[in-house]
């Protein structure tokens, strides 16, 4: 997965969301305030498309679910920390992660003193604990093999950061690998069943949905085999 492009900036800069975003940044409202609901929905949609429905951390498919229980809007620099609240709506600090990675990451501080003091984020600002989803090509830092098993890529220049990410997210714990394999197997069977019901339909919407399901199934199979 190559470094992401901050396409979400177009949404965040819209005039109709400016007031609510500024209120959040000033501490007048919190993340769950209803005035932020629509901008967060659009953020999910844009990030999902930009990331091709792949979690930047574990590089696994994020299966879309109607209540978004399998995904989270994730702040690389955690918004709960006072020094990073200012970056809660910074395009290069926002990704869509799978729920498991977001839970394991928690409120971990991924920036050094230079990052914590910065008003703006940009490449080369300071040192990050993990490879940065926008400033680094994570696929060039870590190789994901079937299982999945994660291997640090030598020569990326981010070997230490990649090792930190794998360790912090517990990506190579056998228990996680086995449970993930079981979940993906079940999802693969469910998707195959849905596809079977679409095959005989002539409706254009079904054909588009079938094409999308084929792509998701291919990604799942890459991880399984």
Protein backbone atom coordinates (compact mmCIF):
# COMPACT_ATOMS: atom_id res chain seq x y z
CA UNK A 1 0.00 0.00 0.00
CA UNK A 2 1.67 3.22 -1.16
CA UNK A 3 1.64 6.40 0.89
CA UNK A 4 -1.86 7.86 1.02
CA UNK A 5 -2.85 11.13 -0.63
CA UNK A 6 -4.66 13.70 1.57
CA UNK A 7 -7.78 13.75 -0.62
CA UNK A 8 -9.91 14.25 2.50
CA UNK A 9 -8.63 17.86 2.63
CA UNK A 10 -11.28 18.84 0.06
CA UNK A 11 -14.03 17.84 2.50
CA UNK A 12 -12.40 19.37 5.56
CA UNK A 13 -12.00 22.73 3.80
CA UNK A 14 -15.68 23.06 2.91
CA UNK A 15 -17.27 26.23 4.26
CA UNK A 16 -20.30 24.43 5.72
CA UNK A 17 -18.11 22.41 8.12
CA UNK A 18 -15.71 25.17 9.12
CA UNK A 19 -17.66 26.44 12.14
CA UNK A 20 -18.16 23.01 13.72
CA UNK A 21 -14.54 22.02 13.16
CA UNK A 22 -13.29 25.26 14.73
CA UNK A 23 -15.57 24.76 17.73
CA UNK A 24 -14.06 21.32 18.23
CA UNK A 25 -10.51 22.62 17.92
CA UNK A 26 -11.28 25.33 20.51
CA UNK A 27 -12.64 22.70 22.90
CA UNK A 28 -16.22 23.97 22.77
CA UNK A 29 -17.63 20.64 21.55
CA UNK A 30 -16.39 17.04 21.63
CA UNK A 31 -15.82 14.46 18.89
CA UNK A 32 -19.25 12.90 19.34
CA UNK A 33 -21.17 16.16 18.89
CA UNK A 34 -24.00 15.86 16.37
CA UNK A 35 -22.80 18.88 14.37
CA UNK A 36 -19.76 16.83 13.31
CA UNK A 37 -21.80 13.80 12.21
CA UNK A 38 -21.98 14.57 8.49
CA UNK A 39 -18.38 15.67 8.06
CA UNK A 40 -17.33 12.43 9.78
CA UNK A 41 -19.56 10.40 7.46
CA UNK A 42 -17.97 12.04 4.41
CA UNK A 43 -14.55 11.50 5.96
CA UNK A 44 -15.28 7.76 6.19
CA UNK A 45 -16.46 7.65 2.58
CA UNK A 46 -13.46 9.53 1.18
CA UNK A 47 -10.90 7.61 3.24
CA UNK A 48 -12.50 4.28 2.36
CA UNK A 49 -12.13 5.08 -1.34
CA UNK A 50 -8.60 6.49 -1.03
CA UNK A 51 -7.45 3.42 0.90
CA UNK A 52 -9.28 0.93 -1.36
CA UNK A 53 -10.93 -0.38 1.82
CA UNK A 54 -7.56 -1.51 3.18
CA UNK A 55 -6.36 -0.77 6.72
CA UNK A 56 -3.03 1.09 6.37
CA UNK A 57 -1.61 -0.55 9.50
CA UNK A 58 -2.27 -4.27 8.97
CA UNK A 59 -2.92 -3.98 5.19
CA UNK A 60 -5.99 -6.16 5.52
CA UNK A 61 -9.42 -5.70 3.97
CA UNK A 62 -11.90 -3.66 6.00
CA UNK A 63 -15.24 -5.31 5.29
CA UNK A 64 -17.96 -2.65 5.02
CA UNK A 65 -20.76 -3.14 7.54
CA UNK A 66 -23.88 -0.99 7.75
CA UNK A 67 -23.15 0.22 11.31
CA UNK A 68 -19.40 0.71 10.68
CA UNK A 69 -18.54 -1.65 13.55
CA UNK A 70 -15.49 -3.06 11.75
CA UNK A 71 -13.81 0.29 11.06
CA UNK A 72 -12.85 3.50 12.86
CA UNK A 73 -11.82 7.01 11.85
CA UNK A 74 -8.33 6.85 13.29
CA UNK A 75 -5.98 9.69 14.23
CA UNK A 76 -2.35 8.74 13.71
CA UNK A 77 -1.50 11.29 16.41
CA UNK A 78 -4.19 10.61 18.98
CA UNK A 79 -6.70 13.45 19.34
CA UNK A 80 -7.26 12.66 23.04
CA UNK A 81 -3.81 14.08 23.83
CA UNK A 82 -3.91 17.85 24.35
CA UNK A 83 -0.87 18.45 22.15
CA UNK A 84 -2.53 16.67 19.21
CA UNK A 85 -6.10 17.97 19.45
CA UNK A 86 -5.15 20.70 16.96
CA UNK A 87 -4.53 17.95 14.37
CA UNK A 88 -7.92 16.22 14.79
CA UNK A 89 -9.02 17.53 11.38
CA UNK A 90 -5.62 17.65 9.69
CA UNK A 91 -5.86 15.62 6.46
CA UNK A 92 -2.54 13.81 6.95
CA UNK A 93 -3.53 12.73 10.47
CA UNK A 94 -6.72 10.95 9.44
CA UNK A 95 -7.06 7.37 8.23
CA UNK A 96 -9.71 4.68 8.28
CA UNK A 97 -8.38 1.72 10.26
CA UNK A 98 -9.86 -1.65 11.09
CA UNK A 99 -11.37 -1.75 14.58
CA UNK A 100 -8.78 -4.26 15.83
CA UNK A 101 -5.81 -2.04 14.94
CA UNK A 102 -7.49 1.01 16.44
CA UNK A 103 -8.11 -0.83 19.73
CA UNK A 104 -4.53 -2.14 19.91
CA UNK A 105 -3.09 1.30 19.10
CA UNK A 106 -5.18 2.95 21.80
CA UNK A 107 -3.88 6.40 22.80
CA UNK A 108 -0.22 5.52 22.19
CA UNK A 109 1.94 8.56 21.46
CA UNK A 110 3.52 8.12 18.01
CA UNK A 111 5.39 11.44 17.87
CA UNK A 112 8.60 12.78 19.39
CA UNK A 113 9.03 16.17 21.09
CA UNK A 114 9.27 18.00 17.75
CA UNK A 115 6.01 16.46 16.58
CA UNK A 116 4.27 17.20 19.88
CA UNK A 117 5.23 20.89 19.64
CA UNK A 118 4.37 21.32 15.95
CA UNK A 119 1.52 23.52 14.77
CA UNK A 120 1.52 21.89 11.34
CA UNK A 121 2.35 18.38 10.11
CA UNK A 122 4.72 17.74 7.21
CA UNK A 123 7.31 15.13 6.11
CA UNK A 124 10.59 15.37 8.00
CA UNK A 125 8.98 17.25 10.89
CA UNK A 126 10.33 14.89 13.53
CA UNK A 127 10.47 11.20 14.32
CA UNK A 128 7.41 9.00 14.39
CA UNK A 129 7.28 5.71 16.29
CA UNK A 130 5.64 3.94 13.33
CA UNK A 131 5.87 4.43 9.56
CA UNK A 132 3.53 7.28 8.65
CA UNK A 133 0.55 6.36 6.40
CA UNK A 134 0.96 9.53 4.32
CA UNK A 135 4.69 10.24 4.50
CA UNK A 136 5.91 6.64 4.06
CA UNK A 137 5.10 3.76 1.75
CA UNK A 138 4.10 1.20 4.37
CA UNK A 139 4.10 -1.61 1.80
CA UNK A 140 7.79 -0.88 1.23
CA UNK A 141 8.42 -1.09 4.98
CA UNK A 142 6.61 -4.30 5.86
CA UNK A 143 5.86 -7.42 3.83
CA UNK A 144 2.62 -9.24 4.59
CA UNK A 145 2.69 -12.95 3.83
CA UNK A 146 -0.18 -15.47 3.99
CA UNK A 147 -1.39 -16.15 7.49
CA UNK A 148 -0.87 -13.25 7.70
CA UNK A 149 2.73 -12.98 8.89
CA UNK A 150 4.45 -9.58 8.91
CA UNK A 151 8.13 -9.19 8.04
CA UNK A 152 10.23 -6.03 8.29
CA UNK A 153 11.67 -5.09 4.86
CA UNK A 154 15.40 -4.43 5.05
CA UNK A 155 16.64 -1.24 3.42
CA UNK A 156 13.41 0.76 3.77
CA UNK A 157 14.98 3.20 6.20
CA UNK A 158 12.05 2.57 8.54
CA UNK A 159 13.08 -0.78 9.99
CA UNK A 160 12.88 0.32 13.63
CA UNK A 161 9.54 2.06 13.14
CA UNK A 162 8.13 -0.97 11.31
CA UNK A 163 9.25 -3.32 14.07
CA UNK A 164 7.56 -1.02 16.59
CA UNK A 165 4.31 -1.09 14.63
CA UNK A 166 4.28 -4.88 14.30
CA UNK A 167 5.02 -5.29 18.00
CA UNK A 168 2.63 -2.60 19.27
CA UNK A 169 -0.28 -3.88 17.16
CA UNK A 170 0.54 -7.53 18.00
CA UNK A 171 0.26 -8.35 14.31
CA UNK A 172 2.28 -11.54 14.57
CA UNK A 173 0.64 -13.08 17.62
CA UNK A 174 -0.46 -16.58 16.73
CA UNK A 175 -3.81 -16.14 18.46
CA UNK A 176 -4.58 -13.08 16.33
CA UNK A 177 -3.49 -14.89 13.16
CA UNK A 178 -5.71 -17.90 13.86
CA UNK A 179 -8.76 -15.85 14.83
CA UNK A 180 -8.32 -13.58 11.80
CA UNK A 181 -8.06 -16.62 9.51
CA UNK A 182 -11.32 -17.99 10.91
CA UNK A 183 -13.12 -14.66 10.49
CA UNK A 184 -11.91 -14.26 6.91
CA UNK A 185 -12.92 -17.82 6.04
CA UNK A 186 -16.43 -17.14 7.31
CA UNK A 187 -16.62 -13.85 5.40
CA UNK A 188 -15.39 -15.53 2.24
CA UNK A 189 -18.19 -18.10 2.47
CA UNK A 190 -20.80 -15.41 3.15
CA UNK A 191 -19.66 -13.29 0.20
CA UNK A 192 -19.67 -16.34 -2.08
CA UNK A 193 -23.26 -17.03 -1.02
CA UNK A 194 -24.33 -13.45 -1.75
CA UNK A 195 -22.59 -13.56 -5.13
CA UNK A 196 -24.48 -16.71 -6.06
CA UNK A 197 -27.80 -14.90 -5.55
CA UNK A 198 -26.69 -12.05 -7.85
CA UNK A 199 -25.43 -14.15 -10.75
CA UNK A 200 -28.85 -14.78 -12.32
CA UNK A 201 -30.01 -11.16 -11.99
CA UNK A 202 -30.02 -8.77 -14.96
CA UNK A 203 -30.31 -5.65 -12.79
CA UNK A 204 -27.45 -3.18 -13.33
CA UNK A 205 -27.18 -2.52 -9.59
CA UNK A 206 -26.64 -6.23 -8.96
CA UNK A 207 -23.95 -6.38 -11.62
CA UNK A 208 -22.09 -3.46 -10.00
CA UNK A 209 -22.42 -5.02 -6.57
CA UNK A 210 -21.21 -8.36 -7.94
CA UNK A 211 -18.11 -6.71 -9.40
CA UNK A 212 -17.35 -5.10 -6.02
CA UNK A 213 -17.83 -8.40 -4.15
CA UNK A 214 -15.46 -10.16 -6.55
CA UNK A 215 -12.78 -7.57 -5.75
CA UNK A 216 -13.32 -7.95 -1.97
CA UNK A 217 -13.19 -11.74 -2.27
CA UNK A 218 -9.93 -11.53 -4.21
CA UNK A 219 -8.37 -9.41 -1.43
CA UNK A 220 -9.56 -11.84 1.24
CA UNK A 221 -8.15 -14.79 -0.72
CA UNK A 222 -4.78 -13.03 -1.07
CA UNK A 223 -4.61 -12.89 2.71
CA UNK A 224 -5.80 -16.45 3.27
CA UNK A 225 -3.62 -18.21 0.70
